[in-house]
């Protein structure tokens, strides 16, 4: 059943998402004009840039943030709103570079990252529908075995939140679907309204003295002991630069541009459901995610819509009709929604690196230029961790987390900008075929 559908329009305004329609404040920052000087210039007004700005301003540095469109315009303001523990996938693969203790530290930082979001929301009193409760869903028995191992490791790391394995006959405690054979509940992860979080953090940054500029795309960068960041009508001169553009770097720096692949991710939102309908789908109002390569993730909004996302793909082009593309996926999980209207459809690019670890470091040839990108779907928490680590590094607190991330090498995707996506799409097809075995 179709109805009023908000088509995604990628202009300088926010995508026509459920989040934009329910934003609890409208911010308007000026475009950069003329010359501005600061200790640090940040390019990118998503979670990475905003949180780096907050950390630096707190340490007494002057900060200018420039955003090509609007604060939260990219993945920060349009993602699935899932706040899930952990950063990276298979962190053990880096043991030969950072040692077993380094692997453990990164895993602990993956837990700390969620706490950073919890602290931001509490400290700045940000109204973003933060709700605790998450469940990993098993598509096959081997996934459930993996959950048991995950749970044991989390306990060994000192994870303080309630966790519980769900056997096949218990799955309906968390989801009204017959697609799954088990699950793992984690009460230390959850979900939120990401755009309202980003807007709240922008206000917090401004109140701390950060100068924010929107509609100010960077046209070129002059590197050196002092960096000059040019926009159409202005320039920022700063001692340090942070590139926090992720999937929307758009060739601004070729050194790190080839190490992140923009991948499309899409979300639909149903019409509001009755309390009984919502409870029959997700009885405990958790965020949920399955274990397939082309994963499904979903949750309820504060006004009881089902927000259903996934379908990560690498063509670089959005589907012409996101609702038509995503609705069959939703109905496979929840066939009982067949007569429900889809009110919103939207999508955009997330950034993925070859090894699925966030890329946090600085340019080897320009030690005063820092970057953070490639969160591979764990962006809500990993961006907040990146902001903390960049804030420490730029203010002179080297060591610890920043150095660990910076030590990990990241390959440049082969094939240049035009062949990267097709090559990765072939690789993902191989992984999906392996799932059938």
Protein backbone atom coordinates (compact mmCIF):
# COMPACT_ATOMS: atom_id res chain seq x y z
CA UNK A 1 0.00 0.00 0.00
CA UNK A 2 1.59 3.26 -1.06
CA UNK A 3 0.77 6.78 -0.02
CA UNK A 4 2.41 10.07 0.66
CA UNK A 5 6.13 9.42 0.19
CA UNK A 6 8.86 11.93 0.82
CA UNK A 7 11.41 11.52 -1.95
CA UNK A 8 15.08 11.98 -1.09
CA UNK A 9 16.41 15.18 -2.61
CA UNK A 10 20.13 15.80 -2.21
CA UNK A 11 20.30 19.56 -2.07
CA UNK A 12 22.00 21.75 0.52
CA UNK A 13 18.97 21.14 2.73
CA UNK A 14 18.69 17.97 4.76
CA UNK A 15 17.40 14.87 2.98
CA UNK A 16 13.60 14.61 3.24
CA UNK A 17 13.85 12.03 6.00
CA UNK A 18 11.74 11.22 9.03
CA UNK A 19 14.51 12.89 11.03
CA UNK A 20 14.35 16.17 9.11
CA UNK A 21 10.55 16.18 9.47
CA UNK A 22 10.83 15.73 13.25
CA UNK A 23 13.90 17.88 13.96
CA UNK A 24 13.32 19.70 17.23
CA UNK A 25 15.19 22.83 16.20
CA UNK A 26 16.13 24.64 13.02
CA UNK A 27 19.67 25.98 13.06
CA UNK A 28 21.10 28.44 10.60
CA UNK A 29 24.80 29.21 10.55
CA UNK A 30 26.23 31.80 8.13
CA UNK A 31 28.38 31.05 5.11
CA UNK A 32 32.08 31.82 5.54
CA UNK A 33 33.01 35.22 4.15
CA UNK A 34 36.39 36.89 4.35
CA UNK A 35 39.36 35.67 6.36
CA UNK A 36 39.08 33.94 9.74
CA UNK A 37 41.95 32.71 11.90
CA UNK A 38 41.89 29.91 14.45
CA UNK A 39 44.04 27.33 16.19
CA UNK A 40 42.13 24.58 14.39
CA UNK A 41 39.98 24.42 11.26
CA UNK A 42 37.58 21.47 10.98
CA UNK A 43 36.07 20.52 7.62
CA UNK A 44 32.79 18.63 8.08
CA UNK A 45 29.76 19.28 10.26
CA UNK A 46 28.84 15.71 11.17
CA UNK A 47 29.43 13.86 14.43
CA UNK A 48 33.22 13.64 13.89
CA UNK A 49 33.66 17.35 13.27
CA UNK A 50 31.22 18.50 15.94
CA UNK A 51 32.72 16.30 18.64
CA UNK A 52 36.28 17.20 17.76
CA UNK A 53 35.22 20.85 17.99
CA UNK A 54 33.63 20.34 21.41
CA UNK A 55 36.73 18.55 22.75
CA UNK A 56 39.13 21.21 21.44
CA UNK A 57 37.05 24.17 22.60
CA UNK A 58 36.97 22.66 26.07
CA UNK A 59 40.76 22.57 26.03
CA UNK A 60 40.89 26.29 25.28
CA UNK A 61 41.70 26.19 21.56
CA UNK A 62 39.97 28.46 19.05
CA UNK A 63 38.04 26.41 16.48
CA UNK A 64 36.37 27.15 13.16
CA UNK A 65 34.15 24.47 11.58
CA UNK A 66 33.12 24.70 7.92
CA UNK A 67 30.36 22.53 6.45
CA UNK A 68 29.60 22.29 2.72
CA UNK A 69 25.86 21.97 3.30
CA UNK A 70 24.08 21.85 6.69
CA UNK A 71 25.20 20.52 10.05
CA UNK A 72 24.28 16.82 10.11
CA UNK A 73 23.58 16.73 6.35
CA UNK A 74 25.53 13.51 5.70
CA UNK A 75 25.38 10.12 7.40
CA UNK A 76 25.31 11.71 10.86
CA UNK A 77 21.81 13.09 10.28
CA UNK A 78 20.29 10.28 8.20
CA UNK A 79 21.53 6.97 9.61
CA UNK A 80 19.44 4.22 11.22
CA UNK A 81 19.87 5.75 14.67
CA UNK A 82 21.39 2.61 16.18
CA UNK A 83 23.90 3.16 18.97
CA UNK A 84 25.82 -0.12 19.18
CA UNK A 85 28.90 -1.04 21.21
CA UNK A 86 32.20 -1.64 19.44
CA UNK A 87 34.34 -0.18 16.69
CA UNK A 88 35.73 -2.21 13.84
CA UNK A 89 35.25 -5.83 12.80
CA UNK A 90 37.76 -8.55 13.66
CA UNK A 91 40.15 -6.29 15.56
CA UNK A 92 42.45 -9.31 16.16
CA UNK A 93 43.72 -8.92 12.59
CA UNK A 94 45.78 -5.92 13.74
CA UNK A 95 47.62 -7.74 16.53
CA UNK A 96 50.86 -7.93 14.52
CA UNK A 97 50.83 -4.10 14.30
CA UNK A 98 49.55 -2.98 17.71
CA UNK A 99 50.08 -6.07 19.85
CA UNK A 100 47.57 -8.01 21.92
CA UNK A 101 47.32 -5.18 24.45
CA UNK A 102 46.56 -2.74 21.62
CA UNK A 103 43.78 -5.02 20.40
CA UNK A 104 42.33 -5.10 23.92
CA UNK A 105 42.56 -1.31 24.21
CA UNK A 106 40.67 -0.80 20.94
CA UNK A 107 37.96 -3.20 22.12
CA UNK A 108 37.67 -1.26 25.39
CA UNK A 109 37.46 2.01 23.43
CA UNK A 110 34.61 0.45 21.46
CA UNK A 111 32.71 0.18 24.74
CA UNK A 112 33.78 3.65 25.90
CA UNK A 113 32.49 5.14 22.63
CA UNK A 114 28.86 4.44 23.57
CA UNK A 115 29.44 5.97 27.00
CA UNK A 116 30.73 9.15 25.32
CA UNK A 117 27.37 9.52 23.57
CA UNK A 118 25.54 8.87 26.84
CA UNK A 119 27.63 11.61 28.51
CA UNK A 120 27.09 14.14 25.67
CA UNK A 121 23.31 13.70 25.81
CA UNK A 122 23.26 14.07 29.60
CA UNK A 123 25.70 16.97 29.88
CA UNK A 124 24.10 19.15 27.21
CA UNK A 125 20.54 17.95 27.90
CA UNK A 126 20.05 16.94 24.26
CA UNK A 127 16.53 15.79 23.41
CA UNK A 128 17.20 12.95 20.93
CA UNK A 129 14.91 10.09 22.05
CA UNK A 130 17.83 8.11 23.53
CA UNK A 131 16.49 4.65 24.40
CA UNK A 132 18.49 1.73 25.81
CA UNK A 133 18.16 -1.84 24.58
CA UNK A 134 19.56 -3.63 21.53
CA UNK A 135 19.50 -7.18 20.19
CA UNK A 136 21.74 -8.93 17.67
CA UNK A 137 19.63 -11.43 15.74
CA UNK A 138 20.90 -14.82 14.55
CA UNK A 139 20.00 -15.85 11.01
CA UNK A 140 21.45 -19.35 11.53
CA UNK A 141 22.69 -21.47 14.47
CA UNK A 142 26.35 -20.60 13.93
CA UNK A 143 25.50 -16.94 14.63
CA UNK A 144 24.13 -17.94 18.03
CA UNK A 145 27.39 -19.74 18.81
CA UNK A 146 29.25 -16.57 17.89
CA UNK A 147 27.05 -14.55 20.24
CA UNK A 148 28.00 -16.84 23.14
CA UNK A 149 31.67 -16.15 22.38
CA UNK A 150 30.99 -12.39 22.11
CA UNK A 151 29.23 -12.42 25.45
CA UNK A 152 32.10 -14.24 27.16
CA UNK A 153 34.60 -11.76 25.75
CA UNK A 154 32.50 -8.75 26.79
CA UNK A 155 32.34 -10.09 30.33
CA UNK A 156 36.10 -10.59 30.29
CA UNK A 157 36.51 -6.95 29.18
CA UNK A 158 34.47 -5.87 32.20
CA UNK A 159 31.32 -4.85 30.29
CA UNK A 160 28.93 -3.67 32.98
CA UNK A 161 25.60 -3.82 31.17
CA UNK A 162 23.03 -6.62 31.17
CA UNK A 163 23.44 -9.19 28.37
CA UNK A 164 21.39 -12.27 27.64
CA UNK A 165 21.35 -14.99 24.99
CA UNK A 166 17.99 -15.83 23.41
CA UNK A 167 17.35 -19.39 22.28
CA UNK A 168 15.08 -20.10 19.28
CA UNK A 169 11.95 -20.35 21.42
CA UNK A 170 12.71 -16.98 23.07
CA UNK A 171 13.22 -14.79 19.98
CA UNK A 172 9.62 -13.55 20.03
CA UNK A 173 10.40 -11.80 23.34
CA UNK A 174 12.16 -9.13 21.27
CA UNK A 175 10.86 -9.38 17.69
CA UNK A 176 7.58 -10.40 16.07
CA UNK A 177 9.20 -12.21 13.16
CA UNK A 178 9.90 -15.83 12.23
CA UNK A 179 13.15 -15.04 10.42
CA UNK A 180 15.55 -15.69 13.31
CA UNK A 181 16.91 -18.60 15.35
CA UNK A 182 18.24 -16.70 18.36
CA UNK A 183 19.67 -13.47 19.60
CA UNK A 184 21.83 -11.60 22.09
CA UNK A 185 20.33 -8.80 24.15
CA UNK A 186 22.63 -5.92 25.11
CA UNK A 187 21.18 -3.27 27.41
CA UNK A 188 24.27 -1.08 27.04
CA UNK A 189 23.46 -0.29 23.40
CA UNK A 190 20.30 1.32 22.06
CA UNK A 191 18.88 3.85 19.63
CA UNK A 192 18.27 7.57 19.17
CA UNK A 193 17.25 10.38 16.78
CA UNK A 194 20.61 11.11 15.13
CA UNK A 195 19.79 14.46 13.54
CA UNK A 196 18.52 15.87 16.84
CA UNK A 197 21.74 14.64 18.47
CA UNK A 198 23.85 16.41 15.81
CA UNK A 199 21.84 19.64 16.12
CA UNK A 200 22.17 19.53 19.90
CA UNK A 201 25.93 19.05 19.63
CA UNK A 202 26.19 21.96 17.19
CA UNK A 203 24.50 24.21 19.74
CA UNK A 204 26.83 22.90 22.45
CA UNK A 205 29.88 23.61 20.26
CA UNK A 206 28.70 27.13 19.50
CA UNK A 207 28.10 27.80 23.20
CA UNK A 208 31.69 26.70 23.87
CA UNK A 209 32.95 29.34 21.41
CA UNK A 210 33.28 27.34 18.19
CA UNK A 211 32.55 29.35 15.03
CA UNK A 212 30.36 27.29 12.69
CA UNK A 213 29.79 28.05 9.01
CA UNK A 214 27.33 26.24 6.71
CA UNK A 215 26.95 26.31 2.90
CA UNK A 216 30.74 26.71 2.79
CA UNK A 217 32.20 23.97 0.62
CA UNK A 218 35.99 23.85 0.65
CA UNK A 219 37.42 24.48 -2.80
CA UNK A 220 41.13 24.01 -2.07
CA UNK A 221 43.60 23.59 0.78
CA UNK A 222 47.08 25.09 1.04
CA UNK A 223 49.22 22.94 3.32
CA UNK A 224 52.16 24.17 5.36
CA UNK A 225 53.04 25.18 8.94
CA UNK A 226 49.87 27.26 8.68
CA UNK A 227 47.03 25.70 6.70
CA UNK A 228 44.80 27.84 4.49
CA UNK A 229 41.35 26.40 3.80
CA UNK A 230 39.56 28.18 0.96
CA UNK A 231 35.82 28.35 0.26
CA UNK A 232 34.01 30.26 -2.48
CA UNK A 233 33.88 33.46 -0.43
CA UNK A 234 36.36 33.04 2.38
CA UNK A 235 39.45 31.45 3.86
CA UNK A 236 40.32 29.95 7.24
CA UNK A 237 43.96 30.15 8.33
CA UNK A 238 44.81 27.74 11.11
CA UNK A 239 47.72 25.97 12.78
CA UNK A 240 45.94 22.62 12.47
CA UNK A 241 43.38 21.09 10.14
CA UNK A 242 40.91 18.23 10.69
CA UNK A 243 39.33 16.52 7.68
CA UNK A 244 36.07 14.99 8.94
CA UNK A 245 34.18 14.48 5.66
CA UNK A 246 34.03 10.66 5.58
CA UNK A 247 32.09 9.52 2.49
CA UNK A 248 31.76 13.11 1.26
CA UNK A 249 35.48 13.96 1.03
CA UNK A 250 34.91 14.36 -2.75
CA UNK A 251 38.56 14.37 -3.78
CA UNK A 252 39.56 17.07 -1.29
CA UNK A 253 42.62 15.05 -0.28
CA UNK A 254 43.74 12.16 -2.52
CA UNK A 255 45.93 10.58 0.19
CA UNK A 256 42.98 9.56 2.33
CA UNK A 257 40.25 9.79 -0.33
CA UNK A 258 41.21 6.45 -1.89
CA UNK A 259 41.08 4.69 1.48
CA UNK A 260 37.35 5.22 2.05
CA UNK A 261 34.61 3.86 -0.17
CA UNK A 262 31.25 5.64 -0.21
CA UNK A 263 28.50 3.02 0.09
CA UNK A 264 24.76 3.66 -0.11
CA UNK A 265 22.56 2.82 2.86
CA UNK A 266 18.79 3.30 2.89
CA UNK A 267 15.95 3.67 5.38
CA UNK A 268 12.16 3.71 5.12
CA UNK A 269 9.65 4.75 7.76
CA UNK A 270 6.08 3.47 7.98
CA UNK A 271 3.05 5.43 8.98
CA UNK A 272 2.60 5.64 12.78
CA UNK A 273 1.49 2.31 14.27
CA UNK A 274 -0.90 1.75 17.13
CA UNK A 275 0.63 0.93 20.49
CA UNK A 276 -0.49 -2.70 20.13
CA UNK A 277 0.92 -2.98 16.59
CA UNK A 278 4.26 -1.51 17.62
CA UNK A 279 4.47 -3.81 20.63
CA UNK A 280 3.72 -6.85 18.47
CA UNK A 281 6.69 -5.99 16.20
CA UNK A 282 9.29 -5.01 18.81
CA UNK A 283 7.89 -5.84 22.26
CA UNK A 284 10.73 -4.24 24.24
CA UNK A 285 11.35 -1.21 21.96
CA UNK A 286 14.89 -2.32 21.17
CA UNK A 287 17.10 -1.62 18.18
CA UNK A 288 17.61 -4.82 16.19
CA UNK A 289 20.11 -5.97 13.59
CA UNK A 290 20.68 -9.26 11.78
CA UNK A 291 24.01 -10.84 10.84
CA UNK A 292 23.95 -10.99 7.05
CA UNK A 293 26.46 -9.14 4.86
CA UNK A 294 23.62 -7.01 3.43
CA UNK A 295 22.21 -6.59 6.90
CA UNK A 296 18.74 -5.44 7.96
CA UNK A 297 18.51 -3.06 10.91
CA UNK A 298 15.35 -1.61 12.37
CA UNK A 299 13.69 -0.02 15.36
CA UNK A 300 10.67 2.01 16.42
CA UNK A 301 10.64 5.79 16.39
CA UNK A 302 9.33 7.82 19.31
CA UNK A 303 5.99 8.17 17.48
CA UNK A 304 5.83 4.39 16.85
CA UNK A 305 6.83 4.19 13.19
CA UNK A 306 8.95 1.26 12.11
CA UNK A 307 12.26 2.59 10.76
CA UNK A 308 13.72 -0.16 8.57
CA UNK A 309 17.17 0.18 7.03
CA UNK A 310 19.91 -1.67 5.24
CA UNK A 311 20.63 -2.71 1.64
CA UNK A 312 24.18 -1.37 1.67
CA UNK A 313 25.41 -1.25 -1.91
CA UNK A 314 28.34 0.18 -3.81
CA UNK A 315 27.10 1.42 -7.17
CA UNK A 316 27.44 5.07 -6.12
CA UNK A 317 23.86 5.68 -7.31
CA UNK A 318 20.76 5.76 -5.13
CA UNK A 319 17.81 3.59 -6.25
CA UNK A 320 15.24 5.62 -8.20
CA UNK A 321 12.55 4.55 -5.72
CA UNK A 322 13.99 3.71 -2.31
CA UNK A 323 10.61 2.66 -0.91
CA UNK A 324 10.06 0.15 -3.72
CA UNK A 325 13.60 -1.16 -3.17
CA UNK A 326 13.35 -1.48 0.63
CA UNK A 327 9.71 -2.44 1.19
CA UNK A 328 10.09 -6.11 0.10
CA UNK A 329 12.99 -6.46 2.54
CA UNK A 330 10.84 -5.10 5.36
CA UNK A 331 7.91 -7.37 4.43
CA UNK A 332 10.16 -10.44 4.46
CA UNK A 333 10.80 -9.72 8.14
CA UNK A 334 7.36 -8.31 8.97
CA UNK A 335 4.75 -9.58 6.45
CA UNK A 336 2.08 -8.22 8.82
CA UNK A 337 2.95 -4.69 7.60
CA UNK A 338 1.74 -5.38 4.04
CA UNK A 339 -1.10 -2.85 4.27
CA UNK A 340 0.87 -0.14 6.02
CA UNK A 341 1.85 3.04 4.22
CA UNK A 342 5.48 4.10 3.78
CA UNK A 343 5.64 7.78 4.74
CA UNK A 344 9.37 8.46 4.36
CA UNK A 345 12.21 7.07 2.27
CA UNK A 346 15.76 8.33 2.24
CA UNK A 347 19.36 7.29 1.88
CA UNK A 348 22.90 8.47 1.53
CA UNK A 349 26.51 7.48 1.67
CA UNK A 350 28.38 5.92 4.56
CA UNK A 351 32.16 5.47 4.48
CA UNK A 352 33.74 2.01 4.51
CA UNK A 353 37.42 1.08 4.69
CA UNK A 354 38.93 -2.17 3.43
CA UNK A 355 39.66 -3.52 6.92
CA UNK A 356 36.49 -2.17 8.61
CA UNK A 357 38.44 -0.26 11.30
CA UNK A 358 37.81 3.49 11.65
CA UNK A 359 40.65 5.47 10.11
CA UNK A 360 41.93 8.01 12.63
CA UNK A 361 45.33 9.61 12.12
CA UNK A 362 47.26 12.38 10.44
CA UNK A 363 48.76 12.88 7.02
CA UNK A 364 52.37 11.63 7.01
CA UNK A 365 53.56 14.50 4.81
CA UNK A 366 51.60 17.13 6.79
CA UNK A 367 51.74 16.38 10.55
CA UNK A 368 49.37 19.25 11.37
CA UNK A 369 46.58 17.72 9.25
CA UNK A 370 44.39 15.13 11.01
CA UNK A 371 41.54 12.98 9.74
CA UNK A 372 38.81 10.60 10.87
CA UNK A 373 36.66 8.51 8.52
CA UNK A 374 35.43 5.04 7.43
CA UNK A 375 33.19 4.01 10.33
CA UNK A 376 31.62 1.11 8.40
CA UNK A 377 28.19 1.41 9.96
CA UNK A 378 29.22 2.01 13.59
CA UNK A 379 29.39 5.76 13.10
CA UNK A 380 27.16 7.06 15.88
CA UNK A 381 29.53 5.90 18.61
CA UNK A 382 32.83 5.68 16.70
CA UNK A 383 32.62 9.33 15.61
CA UNK A 384 32.36 10.42 19.23
CA UNK A 385 35.44 8.36 20.07
CA UNK A 386 37.26 9.91 17.09
CA UNK A 387 36.44 13.39 18.38
CA UNK A 388 37.89 12.57 21.79
CA UNK A 389 41.08 11.07 20.32
CA UNK A 390 41.61 13.94 17.87
CA UNK A 391 41.03 16.45 20.67
CA UNK A 392 43.71 14.76 22.76
CA UNK A 393 46.21 14.55 19.91
CA UNK A 394 45.81 18.13 18.67
CA UNK A 395 46.04 19.57 22.18
CA UNK A 396 49.33 17.73 22.71
CA UNK A 397 48.13 14.70 24.66
CA UNK A 398 49.72 12.18 22.33
CA UNK A 399 49.80 8.52 23.19
CA UNK A 400 47.04 6.16 24.06
CA UNK A 401 44.14 5.71 21.70
CA UNK A 402 45.09 8.07 18.89
CA UNK A 403 48.50 6.44 18.43
CA UNK A 404 46.94 2.96 18.33
CA UNK A 405 44.54 3.88 15.55
CA UNK A 406 47.19 5.87 13.67
CA UNK A 407 49.57 2.87 13.62
CA UNK A 408 47.14 0.66 11.69
CA UNK A 409 47.84 0.85 7.93
CA UNK A 410 44.90 1.28 5.55
CA UNK A 411 45.09 0.19 1.96
CA UNK A 412 43.95 2.37 -0.91
CA UNK A 413 41.13 0.71 -2.83
CA UNK A 414 42.40 -0.43 -6.23
CA UNK A 415 40.99 0.82 -9.49
CA UNK A 416 40.76 4.53 -8.78
CA UNK A 417 37.55 6.36 -8.13
CA UNK A 418 35.60 4.77 -11.02
CA UNK A 419 36.56 1.10 -10.53
CA UNK A 420 36.59 0.98 -6.71
CA UNK A 421 32.83 0.48 -6.35
CA UNK A 422 32.39 -2.31 -8.96
CA UNK A 423 35.37 -4.22 -7.54
CA UNK A 424 34.01 -4.04 -4.01
CA UNK A 425 30.52 -4.99 -5.23
CA UNK A 426 32.03 -8.20 -6.67
CA UNK A 427 33.73 -8.90 -3.34
CA UNK A 428 30.47 -8.40 -1.44
CA UNK A 429 28.67 -10.73 -3.85
CA UNK A 430 31.22 -13.42 -3.00
CA UNK A 431 30.54 -12.97 0.73
CA UNK A 432 26.79 -13.19 0.14
CA UNK A 433 27.20 -16.41 -1.84
CA UNK A 434 29.22 -17.85 1.05
CA UNK A 435 26.27 -17.11 3.36
CA UNK A 436 24.18 -19.58 1.37
CA UNK A 437 26.55 -22.44 2.18
